[in-house]
Amino acid sequence: QFVGTYFIGDNQLQADSYSYYAKAPSPVEGNVSFSVT
């Protein structure tokens, strides 16, 4: 799920944030939040 777009510093790096629930085949089950540029 898309969470939002944020920035670091004086708007120098914008990134998009997402979240989801991981399960098998992932070796870890649980809540995941991650960001990409």
PDB file of all heavy atoms in Angstrom:
ATOM      1  N   GLN A   1       0.837  -1.196   0.000  1.00  0.00           N
ATOM      2  CA  GLN A   1       0.000   0.000   0.000  1.00  0.00           C
ATOM      3  C   GLN A   1       0.877   1.253   0.000  1.00  0.00           C
ATOM      4  O   GLN A   1       1.812   1.362   0.790  1.00  0.00           O
ATOM      5  CB  GLN A   1      -0.907  -0.002   1.230  1.00  0.00           C
ATOM      6  CG  GLN A   1      -1.854  -1.176   1.297  1.00  0.00           C
ATOM      7  CD  GLN A   1      -2.886  -1.146   0.188  1.00  0.00           C
ATOM      8  OE1 GLN A   1      -3.501  -0.106  -0.066  1.00  0.00           O
ATOM      9  NE2 GLN A   1      -3.076  -2.271  -0.484  1.00  0.00           N
ATOM     10  N   PHE A   2       0.558   2.179  -0.893  1.00  0.00           N
ATOM     11  CA  PHE A   2       1.291   3.433  -0.942  1.00  0.00           C
ATOM     12  C   PHE A   2       0.955   4.268   0.290  1.00  0.00           C
ATOM     13  O   PHE A   2      -0.215   4.476   0.615  1.00  0.00           O
ATOM     14  CB  PHE A   2       0.943   4.195  -2.217  1.00  0.00           C
ATOM     15  CG  PHE A   2       1.591   5.537  -2.329  1.00  0.00           C
ATOM     16  CD1 PHE A   2       2.921   5.653  -2.675  1.00  0.00           C
ATOM     17  CD2 PHE A   2       0.857   6.697  -2.081  1.00  0.00           C
ATOM     18  CE1 PHE A   2       3.525   6.897  -2.783  1.00  0.00           C
ATOM     19  CE2 PHE A   2       1.448   7.943  -2.183  1.00  0.00           C
ATOM     20  CZ  PHE A   2       2.786   8.042  -2.540  1.00  0.00           C
ATOM     21  N   VAL A   3       1.989   4.738   1.004  1.00  0.00           N
ATOM     22  CA  VAL A   3       1.785   5.523   2.218  1.00  0.00           C
ATOM     23  C   VAL A   3       1.901   7.015   1.936  1.00  0.00           C
ATOM     24  O   VAL A   3       1.085   7.820   2.384  1.00  0.00           O
ATOM     25  CB  VAL A   3       2.787   5.104   3.315  1.00  0.00           C
ATOM     26  CG1 VAL A   3       2.634   5.984   4.550  1.00  0.00           C
ATOM     27  CG2 VAL A   3       2.591   3.633   3.671  1.00  0.00           C
ATOM     28  N   GLY A   4       2.907   7.420   1.181  1.00  0.00           N
ATOM     29  CA  GLY A   4       3.072   8.828   0.874  1.00  0.00           C
ATOM     30  C   GLY A   4       4.455   9.120   0.340  1.00  0.00           C
ATOM     31  O   GLY A   4       5.328   8.250   0.307  1.00  0.00           O
ATOM     32  N   THR A   5       4.646  10.336  -0.108  1.00  0.00           N
ATOM     33  CA  THR A   5       5.939  10.812  -0.585  1.00  0.00           C
ATOM     34  C   THR A   5       6.518  11.761   0.454  1.00  0.00           C
ATOM     35  O   THR A   5       5.818  12.623   0.967  1.00  0.00           O
ATOM     36  CB  THR A   5       5.793  11.534  -1.932  1.00  0.00           C
ATOM     37  OG1 THR A   5       5.288  10.614  -2.908  1.00  0.00           O
ATOM     38  CG2 THR A   5       7.131  12.074  -2.415  1.00  0.00           C
ATOM     39  N   TYR A   6       7.781  11.581   0.788  1.00  0.00           N
ATOM     40  CA  TYR A   6       8.414  12.439   1.786  1.00  0.00           C
ATOM     41  C   TYR A   6       9.747  12.938   1.242  1.00  0.00           C
ATOM     42  O   TYR A   6      10.212  12.486   0.191  1.00  0.00           O
ATOM     43  CB  TYR A   6       8.609  11.695   3.116  1.00  0.00           C
ATOM     44  CG  TYR A   6       9.570  10.538   3.082  1.00  0.00           C
ATOM     45  CD1 TYR A   6      10.932  10.727   3.315  1.00  0.00           C
ATOM     46  CD2 TYR A   6       9.131   9.238   2.861  1.00  0.00           C
ATOM     47  CE1 TYR A   6      11.822   9.670   3.310  1.00  0.00           C
ATOM     48  CE2 TYR A   6      10.012   8.173   2.859  1.00  0.00           C
ATOM     49  CZ  TYR A   6      11.353   8.387   3.076  1.00  0.00           C
ATOM     50  OH  TYR A   6      12.225   7.332   3.059  1.00  0.00           O
ATOM     51  N   PHE A   7      10.331  13.884   1.943  1.00  0.00           N
ATOM     52  CA  PHE A   7      11.628  14.375   1.517  1.00  0.00           C
ATOM     53  C   PHE A   7      12.579  14.451   2.697  1.00  0.00           C
ATOM     54  O   PHE A   7      12.166  14.564   3.846  1.00  0.00           O
ATOM     55  CB  PHE A   7      11.518  15.738   0.816  1.00  0.00           C
ATOM     56  CG  PHE A   7      10.946  16.846   1.662  1.00  0.00           C
ATOM     57  CD1 PHE A   7      11.762  17.576   2.514  1.00  0.00           C
ATOM     58  CD2 PHE A   7       9.598  17.152   1.599  1.00  0.00           C
ATOM     59  CE1 PHE A   7      11.249  18.611   3.280  1.00  0.00           C
ATOM     60  CE2 PHE A   7       9.075  18.188   2.365  1.00  0.00           C
ATOM     61  CZ  PHE A   7       9.897  18.913   3.213  1.00  0.00           C
ATOM     62  N   ILE A   8      13.875  14.364   2.393  1.00  0.00           N
ATOM     63  CA  ILE A   8      14.942  14.449   3.383  1.00  0.00           C
ATOM     64  C   ILE A   8      15.748  15.710   3.103  1.00  0.00           C
ATOM     65  O   ILE A   8      16.035  16.036   1.941  1.00  0.00           O
ATOM     66  CB  ILE A   8      15.851  13.201   3.335  1.00  0.00           C
ATOM     67  CG1 ILE A   8      15.037  11.952   3.685  1.00  0.00           C
ATOM     68  CG2 ILE A   8      17.035  13.337   4.287  1.00  0.00           C
ATOM     69  CD1 ILE A   8      15.816  10.656   3.528  1.00  0.00           C
ATOM     70  N   GLY A   9      16.115  16.425   4.171  1.00  0.00           N
ATOM     71  CA  GLY A   9      16.843  17.677   4.002  1.00  0.00           C
ATOM     72  C   GLY A   9      15.933  18.762   3.462  1.00  0.00           C
ATOM     73  O   GLY A   9      14.707  18.731   3.634  1.00  0.00           O
ATOM     74  N   ASP A  10      16.509  19.738   2.796  1.00  0.00           N
ATOM     75  CA  ASP A  10      15.764  20.857   2.227  1.00  0.00           C
ATOM     76  C   ASP A  10      15.204  20.448   0.867  1.00  0.00           C
ATOM     77  O   ASP A  10      15.588  20.955  -0.186  1.00  0.00           O
ATOM     78  CB  ASP A  10      16.668  22.080   2.102  1.00  0.00           C
ATOM     79  CG  ASP A  10      15.901  23.337   1.667  1.00  0.00           C
ATOM     80  OD1 ASP A  10      14.655  23.293   1.696  1.00  0.00           O
ATOM     81  OD2 ASP A  10      16.555  24.320   1.304  1.00  0.00           O
ATOM     82  N   ASN A  11      14.309  19.455   0.919  1.00  0.00           N
ATOM     83  CA  ASN A  11      13.701  18.905  -0.286  1.00  0.00           C
ATOM     84  C   ASN A  11      14.749  18.385  -1.269  1.00  0.00           C
ATOM     85  O   ASN A  11      14.588  18.461  -2.489  1.00  0.00           O
ATOM     86  CB  ASN A  11      12.812  19.944  -0.969  1.00  0.00           C
ATOM     87  CG  ASN A  11      11.694  19.309  -1.779  1.00  0.00           C
ATOM     88  OD1 ASN A  11      11.347  18.147  -1.571  1.00  0.00           O
ATOM     89  ND2 ASN A  11      11.140  20.054  -2.703  1.00  0.00           N
ATOM     90  N   GLN A  12      15.832  17.836  -0.723  1.00  0.00           N
ATOM     91  CA  GLN A  12      16.947  17.396  -1.561  1.00  0.00           C
ATOM     92  C   GLN A  12      16.765  15.973  -2.073  1.00  0.00           C
ATOM     93  O   GLN A  12      17.307  15.604  -3.111  1.00  0.00           O
ATOM     94  CB  GLN A  12      18.260  17.501  -0.772  1.00  0.00           C
ATOM     95  CG  GLN A  12      18.642  18.940  -0.451  1.00  0.00           C
ATOM     96  CD  GLN A  12      19.866  19.002   0.441  1.00  0.00           C
ATOM     97  OE1 GLN A  12      20.028  18.184   1.340  1.00  0.00           O
ATOM     98  NE2 GLN A  12      20.721  19.976   0.204  1.00  0.00           N
ATOM     99  N   LEU A  13      16.025  15.144  -1.337  1.00  0.00           N
ATOM    100  CA  LEU A  13      15.779  13.777  -1.774  1.00  0.00           C
ATOM    101  C   LEU A  13      14.326  13.433  -1.491  1.00  0.00           C
ATOM    102  O   LEU A  13      13.885  13.447  -0.342  1.00  0.00           O
ATOM    103  CB  LEU A  13      16.687  12.795  -1.039  1.00  0.00           C
ATOM    104  CG  LEU A  13      16.408  11.307  -1.308  1.00  0.00           C
ATOM    105  CD1 LEU A  13      16.678  10.977  -2.781  1.00  0.00           C
ATOM    106  CD2 LEU A  13      17.234  10.414  -0.393  1.00  0.00           C
ATOM    107  N   GLN A  14      13.580  13.143  -2.541  1.00  0.00           N
ATOM    108  CA  GLN A  14      12.200  12.715  -2.386  1.00  0.00           C
ATOM    109  C   GLN A  14      12.129  11.200  -2.485  1.00  0.00           C
ATOM    110  O   GLN A  14      12.820  10.582  -3.301  1.00  0.00           O
ATOM    111  CB  GLN A  14      11.307  13.345  -3.453  1.00  0.00           C
ATOM    112  CG  GLN A  14      11.103  14.832  -3.261  1.00  0.00           C
ATOM    113  CD  GLN A  14      10.038  15.390  -4.185  1.00  0.00           C
ATOM    114  OE1 GLN A  14       9.642  14.740  -5.149  1.00  0.00           O
ATOM    115  NE2 GLN A  14       9.580  16.595  -3.906  1.00  0.00           N
ATOM    116  N   ALA A  15      11.300  10.612  -1.651  1.00  0.00           N
ATOM    117  CA  ALA A  15      11.161   9.164  -1.635  1.00  0.00           C
ATOM    118  C   ALA A  15       9.704   8.793  -1.429  1.00  0.00           C
ATOM    119  O   ALA A  15       8.924   9.545  -0.848  1.00  0.00           O
ATOM    120  CB  ALA A  15      12.031   8.553  -0.532  1.00  0.00           C
ATOM    121  N   ASP A  16       9.333   7.617  -1.913  1.00  0.00           N
ATOM    122  CA  ASP A  16       7.989   7.088  -1.753  1.00  0.00           C
ATOM    123  C   ASP A  16       8.013   5.960  -0.729  1.00  0.00           C
ATOM    124  O   ASP A  16       8.909   5.101  -0.751  1.00  0.00           O
ATOM    125  CB  ASP A  16       7.459   6.563  -3.091  1.00  0.00           C
ATOM    126  CG  ASP A  16       7.296   7.670  -4.119  1.00  0.00           C
ATOM    127  OD1 ASP A  16       6.900   8.774  -3.722  1.00  0.00           O
ATOM    128  OD2 ASP A  16       7.576   7.421  -5.305  1.00  0.00           O
ATOM    129  N   SER A  17       7.023   5.957   0.132  1.00  0.00           N
ATOM    130  CA  SER A  17       6.953   4.982   1.218  1.00  0.00           C
ATOM    131  C   SER A  17       5.779   4.031   0.997  1.00  0.00           C
ATOM    132  O   SER A  17       4.698   4.452   0.567  1.00  0.00           O
ATOM    133  CB  SER A  17       6.808   5.708   2.556  1.00  0.00           C
ATOM    134  OG  SER A  17       6.777   4.782   3.624  1.00  0.00           O
ATOM    135  N   TYR A  18       6.003   2.751   1.304  1.00  0.00           N
ATOM    136  CA  TYR A  18       4.987   1.714   1.137  1.00  0.00           C
ATOM    137  C   TYR A  18       4.966   0.829   2.381  1.00  0.00           C
ATOM    138  O   TYR A  18       5.929   0.787   3.148  1.00  0.00           O
ATOM    139  CB  TYR A  18       5.305   0.831  -0.088  1.00  0.00           C
ATOM    140  CG  TYR A  18       5.409   1.572  -1.392  1.00  0.00           C
ATOM    141  CD1 TYR A  18       6.610   2.181  -1.771  1.00  0.00           C
ATOM    142  CD2 TYR A  18       4.328   1.652  -2.261  1.00  0.00           C
ATOM    143  CE1 TYR A  18       6.716   2.848  -2.976  1.00  0.00           C
ATOM    144  CE2 TYR A  18       4.432   2.325  -3.468  1.00  0.00           C
ATOM    145  CZ  TYR A  18       5.627   2.917  -3.829  1.00  0.00           C
ATOM    146  OH  TYR A  18       5.738   3.578  -5.019  1.00  0.00           O
ATOM    147  N   SER A  19       3.892   0.091   2.537  1.00  0.00           N
ATOM    148  CA  SER A  19       3.813  -0.893   3.615  1.00  0.00           C
ATOM    149  C   SER A  19       3.001  -2.097   3.153  1.00  0.00           C
ATOM    150  O   SER A  19       2.126  -1.984   2.285  1.00  0.00           O
ATOM    151  CB  SER A  19       3.186  -0.280   4.873  1.00  0.00           C
ATOM    152  OG  SER A  19       1.830   0.046   4.645  1.00  0.00           O
ATOM    153  N   TYR A  20       3.297  -3.257   3.735  1.00  0.00           N
ATOM    154  CA  TYR A  20       2.549  -4.481   3.432  1.00  0.00           C
ATOM    155  C   TYR A  20       2.840  -5.519   4.507  1.00  0.00           C
ATOM    156  O   TYR A  20       3.698  -5.310   5.380  1.00  0.00           O
ATOM    157  CB  TYR A  20       2.924  -5.027   2.051  1.00  0.00           C
ATOM    158  CG  TYR A  20       4.324  -5.586   1.946  1.00  0.00           C
ATOM    159  CD1 TYR A  20       4.568  -6.955   2.027  1.00  0.00           C
ATOM    160  CD2 TYR A  20       5.417  -4.748   1.751  1.00  0.00           C
ATOM    161  CE1 TYR A  20       5.854  -7.459   1.932  1.00  0.00           C
ATOM    162  CE2 TYR A  20       6.698  -5.245   1.656  1.00  0.00           C
ATOM    163  CZ  TYR A  20       6.907  -6.612   1.748  1.00  0.00           C
ATOM    164  OH  TYR A  20       8.179  -7.113   1.671  1.00  0.00           O
ATOM    165  N   TYR A  21       2.122  -6.621   4.450  1.00  0.00           N
ATOM    166  CA  TYR A  21       2.331  -7.717   5.390  1.00  0.00           C
ATOM    167  C   TYR A  21       3.025  -8.850   4.651  1.00  0.00           C
ATOM    168  O   TYR A  21       2.502  -9.381   3.663  1.00  0.00           O
ATOM    169  CB  TYR A  21       1.001  -8.201   5.969  1.00  0.00           C
ATOM    170  CG  TYR A  21       1.162  -9.159   7.126  1.00  0.00           C
ATOM    171  CD1 TYR A  21       1.375  -8.677   8.416  1.00  0.00           C
ATOM    172  CD2 TYR A  21       1.135 -10.536   6.931  1.00  0.00           C
ATOM    173  CE1 TYR A  21       1.525  -9.541   9.483  1.00  0.00           C
ATOM    174  CE2 TYR A  21       1.291 -11.413   7.987  1.00  0.00           C
ATOM    175  CZ  TYR A  21       1.488 -10.916   9.258  1.00  0.00           C
ATOM    176  OH  TYR A  21       1.661 -11.780  10.313  1.00  0.00           O
ATOM    177  N   ALA A  22       4.212  -9.213   5.120  1.00  0.00           N
ATOM    178  CA  ALA A  22       5.002 -10.264   4.479  1.00  0.00           C
ATOM    179  C   ALA A  22       4.655 -11.627   5.069  1.00  0.00           C
ATOM    180  O   ALA A  22       4.354 -11.752   6.260  1.00  0.00           O
ATOM    181  CB  ALA A  22       6.486  -9.991   4.655  1.00  0.00           C
ATOM    182  N   LYS A  23       4.734 -12.647   4.237  1.00  0.00           N
ATOM    183  CA  LYS A  23       4.518 -14.021   4.677  1.00  0.00           C
ATOM    184  C   LYS A  23       5.287 -14.939   3.740  1.00  0.00           C
ATOM    185  O   LYS A  23       5.956 -14.468   2.806  1.00  0.00           O
ATOM    186  CB  LYS A  23       3.029 -14.362   4.683  1.00  0.00           C
ATOM    187  CG  LYS A  23       2.295 -14.057   3.392  1.00  0.00           C
ATOM    188  CD  LYS A  23       0.796 -14.206   3.551  1.00  0.00           C
ATOM    189  CE  LYS A  23       0.068 -13.809   2.264  1.00  0.00           C
ATOM    190  NZ  LYS A  23      -1.408 -13.938   2.411  1.00  0.00           N
ATOM    191  N   ALA A  24       5.221 -16.246   3.984  1.00  0.00           N
ATOM    192  CA  ALA A  24       5.951 -17.192   3.142  1.00  0.00           C
ATOM    193  C   ALA A  24       5.608 -16.936   1.664  1.00  0.00           C
ATOM    194  O   ALA A  24       4.469 -16.607   1.344  1.00  0.00           O
ATOM    195  CB  ALA A  24       5.593 -18.617   3.537  1.00  0.00           C
ATOM    196  N   PRO A  25       6.624 -17.017   0.742  1.00  0.00           N
ATOM    197  CA  PRO A  25       7.943 -17.621   0.918  1.00  0.00           C
ATOM    198  C   PRO A  25       9.010 -16.745   1.569  1.00  0.00           C
ATOM    199  O   PRO A  25      10.172 -17.158   1.649  1.00  0.00           O
ATOM    200  CB  PRO A  25       8.367 -17.953  -0.515  1.00  0.00           C
ATOM    201  CG  PRO A  25       7.718 -16.885  -1.335  1.00  0.00           C
ATOM    202  CD  PRO A  25       6.403 -16.609  -0.664  1.00  0.00           C
ATOM    203  N   SER A  26       8.666 -15.548   2.001  1.00  0.00           N
ATOM    204  CA  SER A  26       9.641 -14.740   2.731  1.00  0.00           C
ATOM    205  C   SER A  26      10.056 -15.464   4.007  1.00  0.00           C
ATOM    206  O   SER A  26       9.216 -16.089   4.670  1.00  0.00           O
ATOM    207  CB  SER A  26       9.026 -13.383   3.095  1.00  0.00           C
ATOM    208  OG  SER A  26       9.862 -12.681   3.985  1.00  0.00           O
ATOM    209  N   PRO A  27      11.353 -15.433   4.381  1.00  0.00           N
ATOM    210  CA  PRO A  27      11.785 -16.081   5.632  1.00  0.00           C
ATOM    211  C   PRO A  27      11.267 -15.386   6.881  1.00  0.00           C
ATOM    212  O   PRO A  27      11.441 -15.881   7.988  1.00  0.00           O
ATOM    213  CB  PRO A  27      13.319 -15.998   5.561  1.00  0.00           C
ATOM    214  CG  PRO A  27      13.630 -15.788   4.117  1.00  0.00           C
ATOM    215  CD  PRO A  27      12.498 -14.958   3.596  1.00  0.00           C
ATOM    216  N   VAL A  28      10.631 -14.208   6.712  1.00  0.00           N
ATOM    217  CA  VAL A  28      10.106 -13.456   7.846  1.00  0.00           C
ATOM    218  C   VAL A  28       8.638 -13.138   7.594  1.00  0.00           C
ATOM    219  O   VAL A  28       8.259 -12.731   6.491  1.00  0.00           O
ATOM    220  CB  VAL A  28      10.899 -12.157   8.071  1.00  0.00           C
ATOM    221  CG1 VAL A  28      10.283 -11.337   9.190  1.00  0.00           C
ATOM    222  CG2 VAL A  28      12.360 -12.463   8.387  1.00  0.00           C
ATOM    223  N   GLU A  29       7.813 -13.302   8.622  1.00  0.00           N
ATOM    224  CA  GLU A  29       6.403 -12.927   8.534  1.00  0.00           C
ATOM    225  C   GLU A  29       6.160 -11.725   9.432  1.00  0.00           C
ATOM    226  O   GLU A  29       6.580 -11.716  10.596  1.00  0.00           O
ATOM    227  CB  GLU A  29       5.493 -14.078   8.967  1.00  0.00           C
ATOM    228  CG  GLU A  29       4.014 -13.723   8.923  1.00  0.00           C
ATOM    229  CD  GLU A  29       3.104 -14.872   9.306  1.00  0.00           C
ATOM    230  OE1 GLU A  29       3.582 -16.036   9.294  1.00  0.00           O
ATOM    231  OE2 GLU A  29       1.924 -14.627   9.615  1.00  0.00           O
ATOM    232  N   GLY A  30       5.481 -10.699   8.892  1.00  0.00           N
ATOM    233  CA  GLY A  30       5.192  -9.532   9.711  1.00  0.00           C
ATOM    234  C   GLY A  30       4.987  -8.285   8.881  1.00  0.00           C
ATOM    235  O   GLY A  30       4.865  -8.328   7.646  1.00  0.00           O
ATOM    236  N   ASN A  31       4.937  -7.148   9.557  1.00  0.00           N
ATOM    237  CA  ASN A  31       4.711  -5.860   8.910  1.00  0.00           C
ATOM    238  C   ASN A  31       6.010  -5.303   8.334  1.00  0.00           C
ATOM    239  O   ASN A  31       7.041  -5.296   9.012  1.00  0.00           O
ATOM    240  CB  ASN A  31       4.127  -4.872   9.915  1.00  0.00           C
ATOM    241  CG  ASN A  31       2.750  -5.296  10.399  1.00  0.00           C
ATOM    242  OD1 ASN A  31       1.872  -5.607   9.599  1.00  0.00           O
ATOM    243  ND2 ASN A  31       2.563  -5.319  11.709  1.00  0.00           N
ATOM    244  N   VAL A  32       5.939  -4.822   7.107  1.00  0.00           N
ATOM    245  CA  VAL A  32       7.103  -4.268   6.417  1.00  0.00           C
ATOM    246  C   VAL A  32       6.768  -2.852   5.943  1.00  0.00           C
ATOM    247  O   VAL A  32       5.729  -2.637   5.315  1.00  0.00           O
ATOM    248  CB  VAL A  32       7.511  -5.124   5.202  1.00  0.00           C
ATOM    249  CG1 VAL A  32       8.723  -4.505   4.488  1.00  0.00           C
ATOM    250  CG2 VAL A  32       7.804  -6.553   5.627  1.00  0.00           C
ATOM    251  N   SER A  33       7.636  -1.913   6.268  1.00  0.00           N
ATOM    252  CA  SER A  33       7.570  -0.563   5.715  1.00  0.00           C
ATOM    253  C   SER A  33       8.874  -0.316   4.970  1.00  0.00           C
ATOM    254  O   SER A  33       9.947  -0.595   5.499  1.00  0.00           O
ATOM    255  CB  SER A  33       7.398   0.482   6.823  1.00  0.00           C
ATOM    256  OG  SER A  33       6.193   0.283   7.534  1.00  0.00           O
ATOM    257  N   PHE A  34       8.785   0.173   3.762  1.00  0.00           N
ATOM    258  CA  PHE A  34      10.008   0.420   2.992  1.00  0.00           C
ATOM    259  C   PHE A  34       9.848   1.659   2.137  1.00  0.00           C
ATOM    260  O   PHE A  34       8.731   2.104   1.838  1.00  0.00           O
ATOM    261  CB  PHE A  34      10.367  -0.791   2.128  1.00  0.00           C
ATOM    262  CG  PHE A  34       9.430  -1.045   0.980  1.00  0.00           C
ATOM    263  CD1 PHE A  34       9.706  -0.554  -0.291  1.00  0.00           C
ATOM    264  CD2 PHE A  34       8.269  -1.777   1.160  1.00  0.00           C
ATOM    265  CE1 PHE A  34       8.847  -0.780  -1.351  1.00  0.00           C
ATOM    266  CE2 PHE A  34       7.395  -2.010   0.115  1.00  0.00           C
ATOM    267  CZ  PHE A  34       7.682  -1.511  -1.145  1.00  0.00           C
ATOM    268  N   SER A  35      10.987   2.237   1.753  1.00  0.00           N
ATOM    269  CA  SER A  35      11.004   3.438   0.938  1.00  0.00           C
ATOM    270  C   SER A  35      11.972   3.278  -0.225  1.00  0.00           C
ATOM    271  O   SER A  35      12.995   2.596  -0.111  1.00  0.00           O
ATOM    272  CB  SER A  35      11.418   4.654   1.775  1.00  0.00           C
ATOM    273  OG  SER A  35      10.469   4.927   2.783  1.00  0.00           O
ATOM    274  N   VAL A  36      11.609   3.913  -1.332  1.00  0.00           N
ATOM    275  CA  VAL A  36      12.481   3.983  -2.508  1.00  0.00           C
ATOM    276  C   VAL A  36      12.501   5.428  -2.978  1.00  0.00           C
ATOM    277  O   VAL A  36      11.578   6.206  -2.701  1.00  0.00           O
ATOM    278  CB  VAL A  36      11.982   3.064  -3.645  1.00  0.00           C
ATOM    279  CG1 VAL A  36      12.038   1.610  -3.229  1.00  0.00           C
ATOM    280  CG2 VAL A  36      10.561   3.439  -4.075  1.00  0.00           C
ATOM    281  N   THR A  37      13.565   5.814  -3.690  1.00  0.00           N
ATOM    282  CA  THR A  37      13.618   7.178  -4.206  1.00  0.00           C
ATOM    283  C   THR A  37      12.464   7.405  -5.174  1.00  0.00           C
ATOM    284  O   THR A  37      12.046   6.504  -5.913  1.00  0.00           O
ATOM    285  CB  THR A  37      14.947   7.452  -4.919  1.00  0.00           C
ATOM    286  OG1 THR A  37      15.116   6.505  -5.992  1.00  0.00           O
ATOM    287  CG2 THR A  37      16.109   7.347  -3.958  1.00  0.00           C
TER     288      THR A  37
END
